[in-house]
Amino acid sequence: RRHLRRLQRALAEERFKVGYLEAALAR
């Protein structure tokens, strides 16, 4: 469960980065 929570946080961070960079590139 601890490992899963850590991986979910990392996934959420990467998804945020992808969204941010895609929006920045679109602008």
PDB file of all heavy atoms in Angstrom:
ATOM      1  N   ARG A   1       0.832  -1.210   0.000  1.00  0.00           N
ATOM      2  CA  ARG A   1       0.000   0.000   0.000  1.00  0.00           C
ATOM      3  C   ARG A   1       0.867   1.261   0.000  1.00  0.00           C
ATOM      4  O   ARG A   1       0.558   2.220  -0.704  1.00  0.00           O
ATOM      5  CB  ARG A   1      -0.941  -0.001   1.201  1.00  0.00           C
ATOM      6  CG  ARG A   1      -2.101  -0.949   1.042  1.00  0.00           C
ATOM      7  CD  ARG A   1      -2.995  -0.933   2.248  1.00  0.00           C
ATOM      8  NE  ARG A   1      -4.177  -1.765   2.031  1.00  0.00           N
ATOM      9  CZ  ARG A   1      -4.918  -2.273   3.003  1.00  0.00           C
ATOM     10  NH1 ARG A   1      -4.604  -2.043   4.266  1.00  0.00           N
ATOM     11  NH2 ARG A   1      -5.964  -3.008   2.711  1.00  0.00           N
ATOM     12  N   ARG A   2       1.931   1.269   0.820  1.00  0.00           N
ATOM     13  CA  ARG A   2       2.846   2.431   0.842  1.00  0.00           C
ATOM     14  C   ARG A   2       3.482   2.627  -0.524  1.00  0.00           C
ATOM     15  O   ARG A   2       3.581   3.745  -1.033  1.00  0.00           O
ATOM     16  CB  ARG A   2       3.924   2.246   1.913  1.00  0.00           C
ATOM     17  CG  ARG A   2       3.459   2.497   3.325  1.00  0.00           C
ATOM     18  CD  ARG A   2       4.634   2.581   4.298  1.00  0.00           C
ATOM     19  NE  ARG A   2       5.540   1.434   4.209  1.00  0.00           N
ATOM     20  CZ  ARG A   2       5.400   0.299   4.916  1.00  0.00           C
ATOM     21  NH1 ARG A   2       4.395   0.163   5.756  1.00  0.00           N
ATOM     22  NH2 ARG A   2       6.271  -0.677   4.785  1.00  0.00           N
ATOM     23  N   HIS A   3       3.911   1.535  -1.098  1.00  0.00           N
ATOM     24  CA  HIS A   3       4.542   1.601  -2.415  1.00  0.00           C
ATOM     25  C   HIS A   3       3.549   2.118  -3.451  1.00  0.00           C
ATOM     26  O   HIS A   3       3.888   2.969  -4.296  1.00  0.00           O
ATOM     27  CB  HIS A   3       5.068   0.219  -2.792  1.00  0.00           C
ATOM     28  CG  HIS A   3       5.938   0.213  -3.993  1.00  0.00           C
ATOM     29  ND1 HIS A   3       5.894  -0.765  -4.943  1.00  0.00           N
ATOM     30  CD2 HIS A   3       6.878   1.086  -4.430  1.00  0.00           C
ATOM     31  CE1 HIS A   3       6.766  -0.497  -5.898  1.00  0.00           C
ATOM     32  NE2 HIS A   3       7.359   0.614  -5.624  1.00  0.00           N
ATOM     33  N   LEU A   4       2.327   1.641  -3.397  1.00  0.00           N
ATOM     34  CA  LEU A   4       1.295   2.082  -4.322  1.00  0.00           C
ATOM     35  C   LEU A   4       1.015   3.574  -4.175  1.00  0.00           C
ATOM     36  O   LEU A   4       0.901   4.299  -5.163  1.00  0.00           O
ATOM     37  CB  LEU A   4       0.014   1.274  -4.104  1.00  0.00           C
ATOM     38  CG  LEU A   4      -1.168   1.599  -4.998  1.00  0.00           C
ATOM     39  CD1 LEU A   4      -0.803   1.419  -6.467  1.00  0.00           C
ATOM     40  CD2 LEU A   4      -2.358   0.743  -4.629  1.00  0.00           C
ATOM     41  N   ARG A   5       0.928   4.069  -2.927  1.00  0.00           N
ATOM     42  CA  ARG A   5       0.708   5.508  -2.709  1.00  0.00           C
ATOM     43  C   ARG A   5       1.857   6.329  -3.285  1.00  0.00           C
ATOM     44  O   ARG A   5       1.649   7.362  -3.913  1.00  0.00           O
ATOM     45  CB  ARG A   5       0.529   5.811  -1.218  1.00  0.00           C
ATOM     46  CG  ARG A   5      -0.852   5.456  -0.696  1.00  0.00           C
ATOM     47  CD  ARG A   5      -1.079   6.014   0.694  1.00  0.00           C
ATOM     48  NE  ARG A   5      -0.171   5.461   1.692  1.00  0.00           N
ATOM     49  CZ  ARG A   5      -0.412   4.375   2.417  1.00  0.00           C
ATOM     50  NH1 ARG A   5      -1.544   3.706   2.268  1.00  0.00           N
ATOM     51  NH2 ARG A   5       0.466   3.959   3.300  1.00  0.00           N
ATOM     52  N   ARG A   6       3.079   5.858  -3.091  1.00  0.00           N
ATOM     53  CA  ARG A   6       4.251   6.562  -3.625  1.00  0.00           C
ATOM     54  C   ARG A   6       4.200   6.605  -5.150  1.00  0.00           C
ATOM     55  O   ARG A   6       4.442   7.647  -5.771  1.00  0.00           O
ATOM     56  CB  ARG A   6       5.514   5.857  -3.127  1.00  0.00           C
ATOM     57  CG  ARG A   6       6.791   6.596  -3.375  1.00  0.00           C
ATOM     58  CD  ARG A   6       7.991   6.018  -2.620  1.00  0.00           C
ATOM     59  NE  ARG A   6       8.113   4.565  -2.690  1.00  0.00           N
ATOM     60  CZ  ARG A   6       7.957   3.729  -1.653  1.00  0.00           C
ATOM     61  NH1 ARG A   6       7.659   4.177  -0.461  1.00  0.00           N
ATOM     62  NH2 ARG A   6       8.094   2.429  -1.817  1.00  0.00           N
ATOM     63  N   LEU A   7       3.843   5.484  -5.769  1.00  0.00           N
ATOM     64  CA  LEU A   7       3.745   5.440  -7.225  1.00  0.00           C
ATOM     65  C   LEU A   7       2.602   6.319  -7.742  1.00  0.00           C
ATOM     66  O   LEU A   7       2.734   6.974  -8.783  1.00  0.00           O
ATOM     67  CB  LEU A   7       3.550   4.001  -7.701  1.00  0.00           C
ATOM     68  CG  LEU A   7       4.752   3.078  -7.519  1.00  0.00           C
ATOM     69  CD1 LEU A   7       4.361   1.635  -7.824  1.00  0.00           C
ATOM     70  CD2 LEU A   7       5.916   3.516  -8.372  1.00  0.00           C
ATOM     71  N   GLN A   8       1.485   6.355  -7.014  1.00  0.00           N
ATOM     72  CA  GLN A   8       0.364   7.196  -7.431  1.00  0.00           C
ATOM     73  C   GLN A   8       0.739   8.676  -7.357  1.00  0.00           C
ATOM     74  O   GLN A   8       0.349   9.459  -8.223  1.00  0.00           O
ATOM     75  CB  GLN A   8      -0.875   6.906  -6.573  1.00  0.00           C
ATOM     76  CG  GLN A   8      -1.513   5.589  -6.927  1.00  0.00           C
ATOM     77  CD  GLN A   8      -2.609   5.179  -5.966  1.00  0.00           C
ATOM     78  OE1 GLN A   8      -2.594   5.544  -4.788  1.00  0.00           O
ATOM     79  NE2 GLN A   8      -3.556   4.398  -6.454  1.00  0.00           N
ATOM     80  N   ARG A   9       1.516   9.062  -6.336  1.00  0.00           N
ATOM     81  CA  ARG A   9       1.981  10.459  -6.247  1.00  0.00           C
ATOM     82  C   ARG A   9       2.904  10.783  -7.419  1.00  0.00           C
ATOM     83  O   ARG A   9       2.812  11.843  -8.025  1.00  0.00           O
ATOM     84  CB  ARG A   9       2.688  10.714  -4.920  1.00  0.00           C
ATOM     85  CG  ARG A   9       1.744  10.915  -3.747  1.00  0.00           C
ATOM     86  CD  ARG A   9       2.469  11.462  -2.531  1.00  0.00           C
ATOM     87  NE  ARG A   9       3.527  10.583  -2.048  1.00  0.00           N
ATOM     88  CZ  ARG A   9       3.348   9.614  -1.143  1.00  0.00           C
ATOM     89  NH1 ARG A   9       2.163   9.407  -0.633  1.00  0.00           N
ATOM     90  NH2 ARG A   9       4.370   8.878  -0.760  1.00  0.00           N
ATOM     91  N   ALA A  10       3.805   9.858  -7.729  1.00  0.00           N
ATOM     92  CA  ALA A  10       4.716  10.076  -8.859  1.00  0.00           C
ATOM     93  C   ALA A  10       3.941  10.174 -10.168  1.00  0.00           C
ATOM     94  O   ALA A  10       4.240  11.033 -11.011  1.00  0.00           O
ATOM     95  CB  ALA A  10       5.754   8.948  -8.932  1.00  0.00           C
ATOM     96  N   LEU A  11       2.936   9.334 -10.342  1.00  0.00           N
ATOM     97  CA  LEU A  11       2.117   9.379 -11.551  1.00  0.00           C
ATOM     98  C   LEU A  11       1.367  10.702 -11.646  1.00  0.00           C
ATOM     99  O   LEU A  11       1.321  11.324 -12.711  1.00  0.00           O
ATOM    100  CB  LEU A  11       1.134   8.205 -11.565  1.00  0.00           C
ATOM    101  CG  LEU A  11       0.163   8.147 -12.735  1.00  0.00           C
ATOM    102  CD1 LEU A  11       0.916   8.065 -14.064  1.00  0.00           C
ATOM    103  CD2 LEU A  11      -0.790   6.977 -12.570  1.00  0.00           C
ATOM    104  N   ALA A  12       0.794  11.163 -10.532  1.00  0.00           N
ATOM    105  CA  ALA A  12       0.076  12.436 -10.532  1.00  0.00           C
ATOM    106  C   ALA A  12       1.020  13.584 -10.880  1.00  0.00           C
ATOM    107  O   ALA A  12       0.658  14.496 -11.637  1.00  0.00           O
ATOM    108  CB  ALA A  12      -0.573  12.670  -9.168  1.00  0.00           C
ATOM    109  N   GLU A  13       2.240  13.537 -10.371  1.00  0.00           N
ATOM    110  CA  GLU A  13       3.226  14.577 -10.676  1.00  0.00           C
ATOM    111  C   GLU A  13       3.575  14.576 -12.163  1.00  0.00           C
ATOM    112  O   GLU A  13       3.641  15.635 -12.798  1.00  0.00           O
ATOM    113  CB  GLU A  13       4.487  14.351  -9.843  1.00  0.00           C
ATOM    114  CG  GLU A  13       5.534  15.407 -10.030  1.00  0.00           C
ATOM    115  CD  GLU A  13       6.745  15.166  -9.145  1.00  0.00           C
ATOM    116  OE1 GLU A  13       6.587  14.705  -8.010  1.00  0.00           O
ATOM    117  OE2 GLU A  13       7.869  15.447  -9.621  1.00  0.00           O
ATOM    118  N   GLU A  14       3.785  13.409 -12.735  1.00  0.00           N
ATOM    119  CA  GLU A  14       4.111  13.322 -14.161  1.00  0.00           C
ATOM    120  C   GLU A  14       2.937  13.771 -15.022  1.00  0.00           C
ATOM    121  O   GLU A  14       3.127  14.441 -16.037  1.00  0.00           O
ATOM    122  CB  GLU A  14       4.538  11.901 -14.528  1.00  0.00           C
ATOM    123  CG  GLU A  14       5.863  11.476 -13.896  1.00  0.00           C
ATOM    124  CD  GLU A  14       7.011  12.398 -14.249  1.00  0.00           C
ATOM    125  OE1 GLU A  14       7.173  12.746 -15.435  1.00  0.00           O
ATOM    126  OE2 GLU A  14       7.757  12.777 -13.335  1.00  0.00           O
ATOM    127  N   ARG A  15       1.719  13.421 -14.622  1.00  0.00           N
ATOM    128  CA  ARG A  15       0.552  13.885 -15.374  1.00  0.00           C
ATOM    129  C   ARG A  15       0.445  15.399 -15.337  1.00  0.00           C
ATOM    130  O   ARG A  15       0.104  16.035 -16.334  1.00  0.00           O
ATOM    131  CB  ARG A  15      -0.720  13.263 -14.808  1.00  0.00           C
ATOM    132  CG  ARG A  15      -0.909  11.843 -15.239  1.00  0.00           C
ATOM    133  CD  ARG A  15      -2.237  11.304 -14.777  1.00  0.00           C
ATOM    134  NE  ARG A  15      -2.471   9.980 -15.340  1.00  0.00           N
ATOM    135  CZ  ARG A  15      -3.201   9.055 -14.770  1.00  0.00           C
ATOM    136  NH1 ARG A  15      -3.791   9.292 -13.624  1.00  0.00           N
ATOM    137  NH2 ARG A  15      -3.360   7.891 -15.355  1.00  0.00           N
ATOM    138  N   PHE A  16       0.740  15.995 -14.176  1.00  0.00           N
ATOM    139  CA  PHE A  16       0.723  17.448 -14.067  1.00  0.00           C
ATOM    140  C   PHE A  16       1.751  18.064 -15.011  1.00  0.00           C
ATOM    141  O   PHE A  16       1.464  19.015 -15.730  1.00  0.00           O
ATOM    142  CB  PHE A  16       1.015  17.885 -12.621  1.00  0.00           C
ATOM    143  CG  PHE A  16       1.221  19.354 -12.491  1.00  0.00           C
ATOM    144  CD1 PHE A  16       0.139  20.221 -12.439  1.00  0.00           C
ATOM    145  CD2 PHE A  16       2.497  19.893 -12.436  1.00  0.00           C
ATOM    146  CE1 PHE A  16       0.323  21.587 -12.332  1.00  0.00           C
ATOM    147  CE2 PHE A  16       2.691  21.256 -12.335  1.00  0.00           C
ATOM    148  CZ  PHE A  16       1.597  22.101 -12.280  1.00  0.00           C
ATOM    149  N   LYS A  17       2.962  17.507 -15.014  1.00  0.00           N
ATOM    150  CA  LYS A  17       4.016  18.030 -15.891  1.00  0.00           C
ATOM    151  C   LYS A  17       3.606  17.946 -17.362  1.00  0.00           C
ATOM    152  O   LYS A  17       3.827  18.880 -18.127  1.00  0.00           O
ATOM    153  CB  LYS A  17       5.319  17.256 -15.679  1.00  0.00           C
ATOM    154  CG  LYS A  17       5.994  17.525 -14.356  1.00  0.00           C
ATOM    155  CD  LYS A  17       7.240  16.657 -14.249  1.00  0.00           C
ATOM    156  CE  LYS A  17       7.852  16.685 -12.889  1.00  0.00           C
ATOM    157  NZ  LYS A  17       9.027  15.790 -12.814  1.00  0.00           N
ATOM    158  N   VAL A  18       3.020  16.816 -17.752  1.00  0.00           N
ATOM    159  CA  VAL A  18       2.594  16.646 -19.135  1.00  0.00           C
ATOM    160  C   VAL A  18       1.557  17.699 -19.502  1.00  0.00           C
ATOM    161  O   VAL A  18       1.650  18.365 -20.542  1.00  0.00           O
ATOM    162  CB  VAL A  18       2.050  15.215 -19.382  1.00  0.00           C
ATOM    163  CG1 VAL A  18       1.300  15.121 -20.698  1.00  0.00           C
ATOM    164  CG2 VAL A  18       3.185  14.207 -19.350  1.00  0.00           C
ATOM    165  N   GLY A  19       0.563  17.877 -18.646  1.00  0.00           N
ATOM    166  CA  GLY A  19      -0.470  18.875 -18.912  1.00  0.00           C
ATOM    167  C   GLY A  19       0.094  20.277 -18.984  1.00  0.00           C
ATOM    168  O   GLY A  19      -0.258  21.067 -19.873  1.00  0.00           O
ATOM    169  N   TYR A  20       0.985  20.596 -18.055  1.00  0.00           N
ATOM    170  CA  TYR A  20       1.596  21.922 -18.027  1.00  0.00           C
ATOM    171  C   TYR A  20       2.405  22.170 -19.302  1.00  0.00           C
ATOM    172  O   TYR A  20       2.284  23.213 -19.939  1.00  0.00           O
ATOM    173  CB  TYR A  20       2.495  22.049 -16.795  1.00  0.00           C
ATOM    174  CG  TYR A  20       3.245  23.352 -16.748  1.00  0.00           C
ATOM    175  CD1 TYR A  20       2.632  24.496 -16.252  1.00  0.00           C
ATOM    176  CD2 TYR A  20       4.547  23.449 -17.219  1.00  0.00           C
ATOM    177  CE1 TYR A  20       3.311  25.709 -16.222  1.00  0.00           C
ATOM    178  CE2 TYR A  20       5.225  24.647 -17.198  1.00  0.00           C
ATOM    179  CZ  TYR A  20       4.605  25.775 -16.691  1.00  0.00           C
ATOM    180  OH  TYR A  20       5.279  26.968 -16.680  1.00  0.00           O
ATOM    181  N   LEU A  21       3.235  21.217 -19.669  1.00  0.00           N
ATOM    182  CA  LEU A  21       4.091  21.391 -20.846  1.00  0.00           C
ATOM    183  C   LEU A  21       3.277  21.430 -22.132  1.00  0.00           C
ATOM    184  O   LEU A  21       3.577  22.221 -23.035  1.00  0.00           O
ATOM    185  CB  LEU A  21       5.138  20.279 -20.904  1.00  0.00           C
ATOM    186  CG  LEU A  21       6.185  20.344 -19.791  1.00  0.00           C
ATOM    187  CD1 LEU A  21       7.034  19.077 -19.790  1.00  0.00           C
ATOM    188  CD2 LEU A  21       7.048  21.575 -19.926  1.00  0.00           C
ATOM    189  N   GLU A  22       2.234  20.612 -22.228  1.00  0.00           N
ATOM    190  CA  GLU A  22       1.386  20.655 -23.421  1.00  0.00           C
ATOM    191  C   GLU A  22       0.704  22.018 -23.546  1.00  0.00           C
ATOM    192  O   GLU A  22       0.649  22.591 -24.643  1.00  0.00           O
ATOM    193  CB  GLU A  22       0.338  19.547 -23.369  1.00  0.00           C
ATOM    194  CG  GLU A  22       0.906  18.174 -23.646  1.00  0.00           C
ATOM    195  CD  GLU A  22      -0.099  17.053 -23.489  1.00  0.00           C
ATOM    196  OE1 GLU A  22      -1.155  17.258 -22.849  1.00  0.00           O
ATOM    197  OE2 GLU A  22       0.180  15.953 -24.001  1.00  0.00           O
ATOM    198  N   ALA A  23       0.209  22.548 -22.423  1.00  0.00           N
ATOM    199  CA  ALA A  23      -0.444  23.860 -22.458  1.00  0.00           C
ATOM    200  C   ALA A  23       0.558  24.952 -22.805  1.00  0.00           C
ATOM    201  O   ALA A  23       0.263  25.858 -23.589  1.00  0.00           O
ATOM    202  CB  ALA A  23      -1.104  24.153 -21.111  1.00  0.00           C
ATOM    203  N   ALA A  24       1.761  24.875 -22.253  1.00  0.00           N
ATOM    204  CA  ALA A  24       2.789  25.877 -22.543  1.00  0.00           C
ATOM    205  C   ALA A  24       3.175  25.838 -24.017  1.00  0.00           C
ATOM    206  O   ALA A  24       3.339  26.886 -24.653  1.00  0.00           O
ATOM    207  CB  ALA A  24       4.017  25.642 -21.663  1.00  0.00           C
ATOM    208  N   LEU A  25       3.300  24.655 -24.570  1.00  0.00           N
ATOM    209  CA  LEU A  25       3.653  24.534 -25.982  1.00  0.00           C
ATOM    210  C   LEU A  25       2.515  25.013 -26.876  1.00  0.00           C
ATOM    211  O   LEU A  25       2.758  25.567 -27.950  1.00  0.00           O
ATOM    212  CB  LEU A  25       4.031  23.095 -26.319  1.00  0.00           C
ATOM    213  CG  LEU A  25       5.386  22.648 -25.768  1.00  0.00           C
ATOM    214  CD1 LEU A  25       5.569  21.152 -25.965  1.00  0.00           C
ATOM    215  CD2 LEU A  25       6.512  23.416 -26.436  1.00  0.00           C
ATOM    216  N   ALA A  26       1.296  24.805 -26.458  1.00  0.00           N
ATOM    217  CA  ALA A  26       0.154  25.259 -27.251  1.00  0.00           C
ATOM    218  C   ALA A  26       0.104  26.784 -27.301  1.00  0.00           C
ATOM    219  O   ALA A  26      -0.338  27.369 -28.286  1.00  0.00           O
ATOM    220  CB  ALA A  26      -1.143  24.705 -26.675  1.00  0.00           C
ATOM    221  N   ARG A  27       0.576  27.445 -26.235  1.00  0.00           N
ATOM    222  CA  ARG A  27       0.580  28.908 -26.190  1.00  0.00           C
ATOM    223  C   ARG A  27       1.813  29.518 -26.843  1.00  0.00           C
ATOM    224  O   ARG A  27       1.832  30.685 -27.164  1.00  0.00           O
ATOM    225  CB  ARG A  27       0.534  29.389 -24.733  1.00  0.00           C
ATOM    226  CG  ARG A  27      -0.790  29.171 -24.049  1.00  0.00           C
ATOM    227  CD  ARG A  27      -0.818  29.864 -22.707  1.00  0.00           C
ATOM    228  NE  ARG A  27       0.276  29.505 -21.832  1.00  0.00           N
ATOM    229  CZ  ARG A  27       0.263  28.524 -20.948  1.00  0.00           C
ATOM    230  NH1 ARG A  27      -0.806  27.763 -20.837  1.00  0.00           N
ATOM    231  NH2 ARG A  27       1.302  28.290 -20.187  1.00  0.00           N
TER     232      ARG A  27
END
